[in-house]
Amino acid sequence: HLEHNYKTLRTQVPSSCRFMGVVKADAYGHGAVPVSRRLVELGAEYLAVSNMEEAIQLRYAGIRGPILVLGYTPPKHAEELARAGLRQEVHSLEYARQLGEALRGTNRRLRVHLKLDTGMSRLGFFAYDCEKTLDELKEVARMEQLVIEGVFTHFPVADSIDWPDRTFTQTQFERFTQMLSTMEGIGLKPEIRHCCNSGASIQYPEYAMDMIRPGIATYGVLPSEDLRGMIELKPVMSLRSTIFQIRD
């Protein structure tokens, strides 16, 4: 079923689009190591986890491909991230400075993915209505200790068919692409641009860009009942139990 879901999701987007297997929280309870191994076998180019501990678990299991840490890693562990060949999200200039300072004098460089806030207002460099964002990104690009490999954003309501939510997701994508165009104008063009979670991979495949990162859909669960009938997924996990007593 995991293989079926993986192949089905890949057919949603162009063949050139990469697949990031989201295996955070022990692969949503399915077992991070076996799921990661199978996704890599199937052709997933990247994996994503919540924190460094999850990433190191995969490294100890012999998984050597690119792994992106989506959550915060204390800067004191920056050298360990770089040594393990991990990728770290960077959501602010201050955090980038802290990572760079922690790597100073180590002769190591850390690959990072810049997170842009396109309207969710949780984390990220502001991708709209903020004049200083471009200056902040320029400063990050000048940091010798950091290598900007990717740039991404998150769609919180891409799994909804309600018109206000659809409009909001479309606005987010427009903000994202406008910022990417502005960044390119100053010579900042990350290799990998990604924004499609499960909902967007199903409902907005035209937003796929360079990579999709479906989470719950990979395990056969629709992110929303709104999307039922749009894609055929198979549940990777089933739950069984035994009745040991019936009382009236």
C-alpha atoms as a PDB file:
ATOM      1  CA  HIS A   1       0.000   0.000   0.000  1.00  0.00           C
ATOM      2  CA  LEU A   2       2.885   2.377   0.691  1.00  0.00           C
ATOM      3  CA  GLU A   3       4.222   1.644  -2.783  1.00  0.00           C
ATOM      4  CA  HIS A   4       0.780   2.222  -4.308  1.00  0.00           C
ATOM      5  CA  ASN A   5       0.381   5.584  -2.565  1.00  0.00           C
ATOM      6  CA  TYR A   6       3.887   6.681  -3.505  1.00  0.00           C
ATOM      7  CA  LYS A   7       3.373   5.853  -7.175  1.00  0.00           C
ATOM      8  CA  THR A   8      -0.105   7.384  -7.223  1.00  0.00           C
ATOM      9  CA  LEU A   9       1.123  10.654  -5.732  1.00  0.00           C
ATOM     10  CA  ARG A  10       3.989  10.791  -8.213  1.00  0.00           C
ATOM     11  CA  THR A  11       1.570  10.481 -11.118  1.00  0.00           C
ATOM     12  CA  GLN A  12      -0.099  13.680  -9.897  1.00  0.00           C
ATOM     13  CA  VAL A  13       2.939  15.786 -10.802  1.00  0.00           C
ATOM     14  CA  PRO A  14       5.522  16.001 -13.623  1.00  0.00           C
ATOM     15  CA  SER A  15       8.108  13.211 -13.734  1.00  0.00           C
ATOM     16  CA  SER A  16      10.883  15.739 -13.156  1.00  0.00           C
ATOM     17  CA  CYS A  17       9.396  16.695  -9.774  1.00  0.00           C
ATOM     18  CA  ARG A  18      11.182  15.214  -6.770  1.00  0.00           C
ATOM     19  CA  PHE A  19       9.461  13.437  -3.895  1.00  0.00           C
ATOM     20  CA  MET A  20      10.190  14.219  -0.248  1.00  0.00           C
ATOM     21  CA  GLY A  21       9.050  11.409   2.013  1.00  0.00           C
ATOM     22  CA  VAL A  22       7.771  12.935   5.252  1.00  0.00           C
ATOM     23  CA  VAL A  23       8.678  10.479   8.011  1.00  0.00           C
ATOM     24  CA  LYS A  24       8.365  12.706  11.071  1.00  0.00           C
ATOM     25  CA  ALA A  25       6.846  11.318  14.301  1.00  0.00           C
ATOM     26  CA  ASP A  26       8.108   7.794  13.569  1.00  0.00           C
ATOM     27  CA  ALA A  27       6.618   8.021  10.063  1.00  0.00           C
ATOM     28  CA  TYR A  28       3.236   8.963  11.516  1.00  0.00           C
ATOM     29  CA  GLY A  29       3.448   5.912  13.747  1.00  0.00           C
ATOM     30  CA  HIS A  30       4.269   3.477  10.944  1.00  0.00           C
ATOM     31  CA  GLY A  31       7.969   3.031  11.775  1.00  0.00           C
ATOM     32  CA  ALA A  32      10.414   5.629  10.487  1.00  0.00           C
ATOM     33  CA  VAL A  33      13.241   3.264   9.589  1.00  0.00           C
ATOM     34  CA  PRO A  34      11.333   0.646   7.537  1.00  0.00           C
ATOM     35  CA  VAL A  35       9.173   3.292   5.854  1.00  0.00           C
ATOM     36  CA  SER A  36      12.209   5.424   4.989  1.00  0.00           C
ATOM     37  CA  ARG A  37      14.077   2.456   3.582  1.00  0.00           C
ATOM     38  CA  ARG A  38      11.118   1.522   1.383  1.00  0.00           C
ATOM     39  CA  LEU A  39      10.549   5.088   0.165  1.00  0.00           C
ATOM     40  CA  VAL A  40      14.218   5.376  -0.788  1.00  0.00           C
ATOM     41  CA  GLU A  41      13.992   2.037  -2.611  1.00  0.00           C
ATOM     42  CA  LEU A  42      10.959   3.324  -4.498  1.00  0.00           C
ATOM     43  CA  GLY A  43      12.848   6.430  -5.582  1.00  0.00           C
ATOM     44  CA  ALA A  44      12.116   9.174  -3.045  1.00  0.00           C
ATOM     45  CA  GLU A  45      14.926  11.698  -3.447  1.00  0.00           C
ATOM     46  CA  TYR A  46      14.513  13.367  -0.035  1.00  0.00           C
ATOM     47  CA  LEU A  47      13.199  12.606   3.425  1.00  0.00           C
ATOM     48  CA  ALA A  48      11.880  15.038   6.032  1.00  0.00           C
ATOM     49  CA  VAL A  49      11.737  14.767   9.828  1.00  0.00           C
ATOM     50  CA  SER A  50      10.697  16.994  12.716  1.00  0.00           C
ATOM     51  CA  ASN A  51      13.976  17.173  14.607  1.00  0.00           C
ATOM     52  CA  MET A  52      17.617  16.198  14.618  1.00  0.00           C
ATOM     53  CA  GLU A  53      17.052  13.144  16.817  1.00  0.00           C
ATOM     54  CA  GLU A  54      14.743  11.652  14.189  1.00  0.00           C
ATOM     55  CA  ALA A  55      17.297  12.373  11.477  1.00  0.00           C
ATOM     56  CA  ILE A  56      20.159  10.795  13.405  1.00  0.00           C
ATOM     57  CA  GLN A  57      18.019   7.676  13.949  1.00  0.00           C
ATOM     58  CA  LEU A  58      17.787   7.293  10.171  1.00  0.00           C
ATOM     59  CA  ARG A  59      21.508   7.848   9.751  1.00  0.00           C
ATOM     60  CA  TYR A  60      22.268   5.133  12.316  1.00  0.00           C
ATOM     61  CA  ALA A  61      19.968   2.849  10.305  1.00  0.00           C
ATOM     62  CA  GLY A  62      22.186   3.357   7.267  1.00  0.00           C
ATOM     63  CA  ILE A  63      19.977   5.797   5.356  1.00  0.00           C
ATOM     64  CA  ARG A  64      22.379   8.149   3.620  1.00  0.00           C
ATOM     65  CA  GLY A  65      20.219  10.313   1.347  1.00  0.00           C
ATOM     66  CA  PRO A  66      19.279  13.962   1.915  1.00  0.00           C
ATOM     67  CA  ILE A  67      17.176  14.547   5.043  1.00  0.00           C
ATOM     68  CA  LEU A  68      15.564  17.887   5.861  1.00  0.00           C
ATOM     69  CA  VAL A  69      14.927  18.811   9.498  1.00  0.00           C
ATOM     70  CA  LEU A  70      11.653  20.759   9.407  1.00  0.00           C
ATOM     71  CA  GLY A  71      11.776  21.840  13.037  1.00  0.00           C
ATOM     72  CA  TYR A  72      14.139  23.894  15.155  1.00  0.00           C
ATOM     73  CA  THR A  73      17.594  22.562  15.998  1.00  0.00           C
ATOM     74  CA  PRO A  74      19.559  24.392  18.705  1.00  0.00           C
ATOM     75  CA  PRO A  75      22.506  26.155  17.022  1.00  0.00           C
ATOM     76  CA  LYS A  76      24.976  24.352  19.291  1.00  0.00           C
ATOM     77  CA  HIS A  77      24.252  21.229  17.214  1.00  0.00           C
ATOM     78  CA  ALA A  78      25.001  22.920  13.874  1.00  0.00           C
ATOM     79  CA  GLU A  79      28.295  21.111  13.397  1.00  0.00           C
ATOM     80  CA  GLU A  80      26.616  17.769  14.089  1.00  0.00           C
ATOM     81  CA  LEU A  81      23.975  18.586  11.482  1.00  0.00           C
ATOM     82  CA  ALA A  82      26.650  19.394   8.919  1.00  0.00           C
ATOM     83  CA  ARG A  83      28.754  16.355   9.812  1.00  0.00           C
ATOM     84  CA  ALA A  84      25.761  14.074   9.274  1.00  0.00           C
ATOM     85  CA  GLY A  85      24.980  15.695   5.922  1.00  0.00           C
ATOM     86  CA  LEU A  86      21.566  16.880   7.103  1.00  0.00           C
ATOM     87  CA  ARG A  87      19.580  19.843   5.815  1.00  0.00           C
ATOM     88  CA  GLN A  88      18.141  22.378   8.259  1.00  0.00           C
ATOM     89  CA  GLU A  89      15.200  24.719   7.757  1.00  0.00           C
ATOM     90  CA  VAL A  90      16.023  28.366   8.427  1.00  0.00           C
ATOM     91  CA  HIS A  91      13.130  30.654   9.297  1.00  0.00           C
ATOM     92  CA  SER A  92      14.800  33.924  10.308  1.00  0.00           C
ATOM     93  CA  LEU A  93      17.939  35.992   9.942  1.00  0.00           C
ATOM     94  CA  GLU A  94      18.689  35.668  13.646  1.00  0.00           C
ATOM     95  CA  TYR A  95      18.557  31.866  13.450  1.00  0.00           C
ATOM     96  CA  ALA A  96      20.801  31.890  10.371  1.00  0.00           C
ATOM     97  CA  ARG A  97      23.309  34.053  12.226  1.00  0.00           C
ATOM     98  CA  GLN A  98      23.308  31.678  15.184  1.00  0.00           C
ATOM     99  CA  LEU A  99      23.906  28.648  12.961  1.00  0.00           C
ATOM    100  CA  GLY A 100      26.673  30.452  11.092  1.00  0.00           C
ATOM    101  CA  GLU A 101      28.374  31.533  14.283  1.00  0.00           C
ATOM    102  CA  ALA A 102      28.230  27.989  15.665  1.00  0.00           C
ATOM    103  CA  LEU A 103      29.961  26.718  12.502  1.00  0.00           C
ATOM    104  CA  ARG A 104      32.643  29.374  12.453  1.00  0.00           C
ATOM    105  CA  GLY A 105      36.110  27.809  12.546  1.00  0.00           C
ATOM    106  CA  THR A 106      34.856  24.258  11.930  1.00  0.00           C
ATOM    107  CA  ASN A 107      35.522  24.140   8.160  1.00  0.00           C
ATOM    108  CA  ARG A 108      32.019  22.717   7.745  1.00  0.00           C
ATOM    109  CA  ARG A 109      29.133  24.107   5.721  1.00  0.00           C
ATOM    110  CA  LEU A 110      25.481  23.383   6.426  1.00  0.00           C
ATOM    111  CA  ARG A 111      22.895  23.035   3.667  1.00  0.00           C
ATOM    112  CA  VAL A 112      19.717  24.922   4.516  1.00  0.00           C
ATOM    113  CA  HIS A 113      16.201  25.411   3.173  1.00  0.00           C
ATOM    114  CA  LEU A 114      14.765  28.884   3.678  1.00  0.00           C
ATOM    115  CA  LYS A 115      11.213  28.958   4.990  1.00  0.00           C
ATOM    116  CA  LEU A 116       9.022  31.760   3.681  1.00  0.00           C
ATOM    117  CA  ASP A 117       5.878  32.869   5.506  1.00  0.00           C
ATOM    118  CA  THR A 118       3.244  33.425   2.821  1.00  0.00           C
ATOM    119  CA  GLY A 119       0.349  33.945   5.204  1.00  0.00           C
ATOM    120  CA  MET A 120       0.238  31.130   7.744  1.00  0.00           C
ATOM    121  CA  SER A 121       2.006  33.437  10.221  1.00  0.00           C
ATOM    122  CA  ARG A 122       3.762  30.695  12.160  1.00  0.00           C
ATOM    123  CA  LEU A 123       7.385  30.696  11.008  1.00  0.00           C
ATOM    124  CA  GLY A 124       9.412  32.083   8.161  1.00  0.00           C
ATOM    125  CA  PHE A 125      10.826  35.119   6.434  1.00  0.00           C
ATOM    126  CA  PHE A 126       7.882  37.334   5.489  1.00  0.00           C
ATOM    127  CA  ALA A 127       7.204  36.881   1.783  1.00  0.00           C
ATOM    128  CA  TYR A 128       4.897  39.891   1.569  1.00  0.00           C
ATOM    129  CA  ASP A 129       4.415  43.371   3.028  1.00  0.00           C
ATOM    130  CA  CYS A 130       7.910  43.441   4.495  1.00  0.00           C
ATOM    131  CA  GLU A 131      10.585  45.564   2.834  1.00  0.00           C
ATOM    132  CA  LYS A 132      13.467  44.242   4.926  1.00  0.00           C
ATOM    133  CA  THR A 133      13.011  40.576   3.918  1.00  0.00           C
ATOM    134  CA  LEU A 134      15.150  40.877   0.799  1.00  0.00           C
ATOM    135  CA  ASP A 135      17.997  42.441   2.782  1.00  0.00           C
ATOM    136  CA  GLU A 136      17.749  39.615   5.311  1.00  0.00           C
ATOM    137  CA  LEU A 137      17.921  36.967   2.575  1.00  0.00           C
ATOM    138  CA  LYS A 138      20.916  38.730   1.013  1.00  0.00           C
ATOM    139  CA  GLU A 139      22.733  38.538   4.329  1.00  0.00           C
ATOM    140  CA  VAL A 140      21.975  34.827   4.687  1.00  0.00           C
ATOM    141  CA  ALA A 141      23.268  34.233   1.155  1.00  0.00           C
ATOM    142  CA  ARG A 142      26.569  35.893   2.084  1.00  0.00           C
ATOM    143  CA  MET A 143      27.175  33.565   5.038  1.00  0.00           C
ATOM    144  CA  GLU A 144      30.050  31.268   4.114  1.00  0.00           C
ATOM    145  CA  GLN A 145      29.006  28.603   6.595  1.00  0.00           C
ATOM    146  CA  LEU A 146      25.542  28.145   5.074  1.00  0.00           C
ATOM    147  CA  VAL A 147      24.622  26.803   1.636  1.00  0.00           C
ATOM    148  CA  ILE A 148      21.112  27.719   0.504  1.00  0.00           C
ATOM    149  CA  GLU A 149      19.878  24.559  -1.192  1.00  0.00           C
ATOM    150  CA  GLY A 150      16.119  25.064  -1.034  1.00  0.00           C
ATOM    151  CA  VAL A 151      13.249  27.411  -0.305  1.00  0.00           C
ATOM    152  CA  PHE A 152       9.747  26.448   0.790  1.00  0.00           C
ATOM    153  CA  THR A 153       6.446  27.494   2.302  1.00  0.00           C
ATOM    154  CA  HIS A 154       3.461  25.738   3.871  1.00  0.00           C
ATOM    155  CA  PHE A 155      -0.200  25.702   2.846  1.00  0.00           C
ATOM    156  CA  PRO A 156      -2.377  25.215   5.968  1.00  0.00           C
ATOM    157  CA  VAL A 157      -5.726  24.903   4.168  1.00  0.00           C
ATOM    158  CA  ALA A 158      -4.792  23.334   0.825  1.00  0.00           C
ATOM    159  CA  ASP A 159      -6.962  20.318   1.712  1.00  0.00           C
ATOM    160  CA  SER A 160     -10.150  22.416   1.788  1.00  0.00           C
ATOM    161  CA  ILE A 161     -12.542  23.012  -1.125  1.00  0.00           C
ATOM    162  CA  ASP A 162     -14.232  25.978   0.537  1.00  0.00           C
ATOM    163  CA  TRP A 163     -13.871  29.037  -1.658  1.00  0.00           C
ATOM    164  CA  PRO A 164     -12.220  31.309   0.978  1.00  0.00           C
ATOM    165  CA  ASP A 165      -9.631  28.592   1.682  1.00  0.00           C
ATOM    166  CA  ARG A 166      -8.978  28.024  -2.010  1.00  0.00           C
ATOM    167  CA  THR A 167      -8.526  31.752  -2.496  1.00  0.00           C
ATOM    168  CA  PHE A 168      -6.139  31.919   0.452  1.00  0.00           C
ATOM    169  CA  THR A 169      -4.022  29.021  -0.884  1.00  0.00           C
ATOM    170  CA  GLN A 170      -3.863  30.644  -4.315  1.00  0.00           C
ATOM    171  CA  THR A 171      -2.791  33.910  -2.684  1.00  0.00           C
ATOM    172  CA  GLN A 172      -0.067  32.070  -0.780  1.00  0.00           C
ATOM    173  CA  PHE A 173       1.267  30.539  -3.992  1.00  0.00           C
ATOM    174  CA  GLU A 174       1.272  33.920  -5.713  1.00  0.00           C
ATOM    175  CA  ARG A 175       3.211  35.431  -2.801  1.00  0.00           C
ATOM    176  CA  PHE A 176       5.667  32.536  -2.897  1.00  0.00           C
ATOM    177  CA  THR A 177       6.340  32.807  -6.623  1.00  0.00           C
ATOM    178  CA  GLN A 178       6.589  36.597  -6.467  1.00  0.00           C
ATOM    179  CA  MET A 179       9.218  36.341  -3.756  1.00  0.00           C
ATOM    180  CA  LEU A 180      11.104  33.689  -5.738  1.00  0.00           C
ATOM    181  CA  SER A 181      11.124  36.031  -8.736  1.00  0.00           C
ATOM    182  CA  THR A 182      12.392  38.893  -6.590  1.00  0.00           C
ATOM    183  CA  MET A 183      15.105  36.654  -5.114  1.00  0.00           C
ATOM    184  CA  GLU A 184      16.168  35.569  -8.589  1.00  0.00           C
ATOM    185  CA  GLY A 185      16.501  39.229  -9.515  1.00  0.00           C
ATOM    186  CA  ILE A 186      19.312  39.603  -6.978  1.00  0.00           C
ATOM    187  CA  GLY A 187      20.995  36.352  -8.024  1.00  0.00           C
ATOM    188  CA  LEU A 188      19.502  34.152  -5.298  1.00  0.00           C
ATOM    189  CA  LYS A 189      18.030  31.061  -6.957  1.00  0.00           C
ATOM    190  CA  PRO A 190      17.860  27.983  -4.681  1.00  0.00           C
ATOM    191  CA  GLU A 191      18.024  24.634  -6.456  1.00  0.00           C
ATOM    192  CA  ILE A 192      14.827  23.232  -4.899  1.00  0.00           C
ATOM    193  CA  ARG A 193      11.525  25.080  -4.511  1.00  0.00           C
ATOM    194  CA  HIS A 194       8.774  23.198  -2.694  1.00  0.00           C
ATOM    195  CA  CYS A 195       5.373  24.036  -1.262  1.00  0.00           C
ATOM    196  CA  CYS A 196       2.980  21.102  -1.866  1.00  0.00           C
ATOM    197  CA  ASN A 197       1.937  19.132   1.194  1.00  0.00           C
ATOM    198  CA  SER A 198      -0.627  16.296   0.923  1.00  0.00           C
ATOM    199  CA  GLY A 199      -3.582  18.570   0.211  1.00  0.00           C
ATOM    200  CA  ALA A 200      -1.763  20.636  -2.393  1.00  0.00           C
ATOM    201  CA  SER A 201      -0.237  17.563  -4.058  1.00  0.00           C
ATOM    202  CA  ILE A 202      -3.783  16.301  -4.638  1.00  0.00           C
ATOM    203  CA  GLN A 203      -5.724  19.504  -5.280  1.00  0.00           C
ATOM    204  CA  TYR A 204      -3.052  21.809  -6.740  1.00  0.00           C
ATOM    205  CA  PRO A 205      -0.533  19.589  -8.597  1.00  0.00           C
ATOM    206  CA  GLU A 206       0.275  22.572 -10.822  1.00  0.00           C
ATOM    207  CA  TYR A 207       1.993  24.093  -7.775  1.00  0.00           C
ATOM    208  CA  ALA A 208       4.472  21.193  -7.510  1.00  0.00           C
ATOM    209  CA  MET A 209       7.536  23.144  -8.717  1.00  0.00           C
ATOM    210  CA  ASP A 210      10.726  21.139  -7.965  1.00  0.00           C
ATOM    211  CA  MET A 211       9.525  18.820  -5.195  1.00  0.00           C
ATOM    212  CA  ILE A 212       6.387  17.713  -3.332  1.00  0.00           C
ATOM    213  CA  ARG A 213       6.331  16.695   0.324  1.00  0.00           C
ATOM    214  CA  PRO A 214       3.080  14.788   0.987  1.00  0.00           C
ATOM    215  CA  GLY A 215       2.811  13.563   4.554  1.00  0.00           C
ATOM    216  CA  ILE A 216      -0.364  11.835   5.677  1.00  0.00           C
ATOM    217  CA  ALA A 217      -1.417  10.977   2.106  1.00  0.00           C
ATOM    218  CA  THR A 218       1.676   8.803   1.717  1.00  0.00           C
ATOM    219  CA  TYR A 219       0.202   6.560   4.409  1.00  0.00           C
ATOM    220  CA  GLY A 220      -3.152   6.277   2.671  1.00  0.00           C
ATOM    221  CA  VAL A 221      -5.087   8.812   4.718  1.00  0.00           C
ATOM    222  CA  LEU A 222      -6.825  11.760   3.074  1.00  0.00           C
ATOM    223  CA  PRO A 223      -5.884  15.062   4.746  1.00  0.00           C
ATOM    224  CA  SER A 224      -9.537  16.054   4.429  1.00  0.00           C
ATOM    225  CA  GLU A 225     -12.833  14.423   3.493  1.00  0.00           C
ATOM    226  CA  ASP A 226     -13.190  17.255   0.969  1.00  0.00           C
ATOM    227  CA  LEU A 227     -10.699  15.427  -1.233  1.00  0.00           C
ATOM    228  CA  ARG A 228     -12.491  12.068  -1.306  1.00  0.00           C
ATOM    229  CA  GLY A 229     -12.808  10.861  -4.874  1.00  0.00           C
ATOM    230  CA  MET A 230      -9.934  12.985  -6.173  1.00  0.00           C
ATOM    231  CA  ILE A 231      -7.282  10.308  -5.617  1.00  0.00           C
ATOM    232  CA  GLU A 232      -7.176   6.598  -4.810  1.00  0.00           C
ATOM    233  CA  LEU A 233      -5.076   5.892  -1.719  1.00  0.00           C
ATOM    234  CA  LYS A 234      -4.702   2.718   0.330  1.00  0.00           C
ATOM    235  CA  PRO A 235      -4.230   2.773   4.135  1.00  0.00           C
ATOM    236  CA  VAL A 236      -0.793   1.501   5.143  1.00  0.00           C
ATOM    237  CA  MET A 237      -1.890   0.726   8.712  1.00  0.00           C
ATOM    238  CA  SER A 238      -4.835  -1.252  10.055  1.00  0.00           C
ATOM    239  CA  LEU A 239      -5.794  -1.638  13.705  1.00  0.00           C
ATOM    240  CA  ARG A 240      -7.088  -4.932  15.054  1.00  0.00           C
ATOM    241  CA  SER A 241      -8.054  -6.045  18.529  1.00  0.00           C
ATOM    242  CA  THR A 242      -9.684  -8.965  20.324  1.00  0.00           C
ATOM    243  CA  ILE A 243     -12.855  -8.857  22.397  1.00  0.00           C
ATOM    244  CA  PHE A 244     -12.150 -10.535  25.702  1.00  0.00           C
ATOM    245  CA  GLN A 245     -15.394  -9.770  27.512  1.00  0.00           C
ATOM    246  CA  ILE A 246     -18.950  -8.623  26.768  1.00  0.00           C
ATOM    247  CA  ARG A 247     -21.099  -7.280  29.606  1.00  0.00           C
ATOM    248  CA  ASP A 248     -24.823  -6.487  29.498  1.00  0.00           C
END
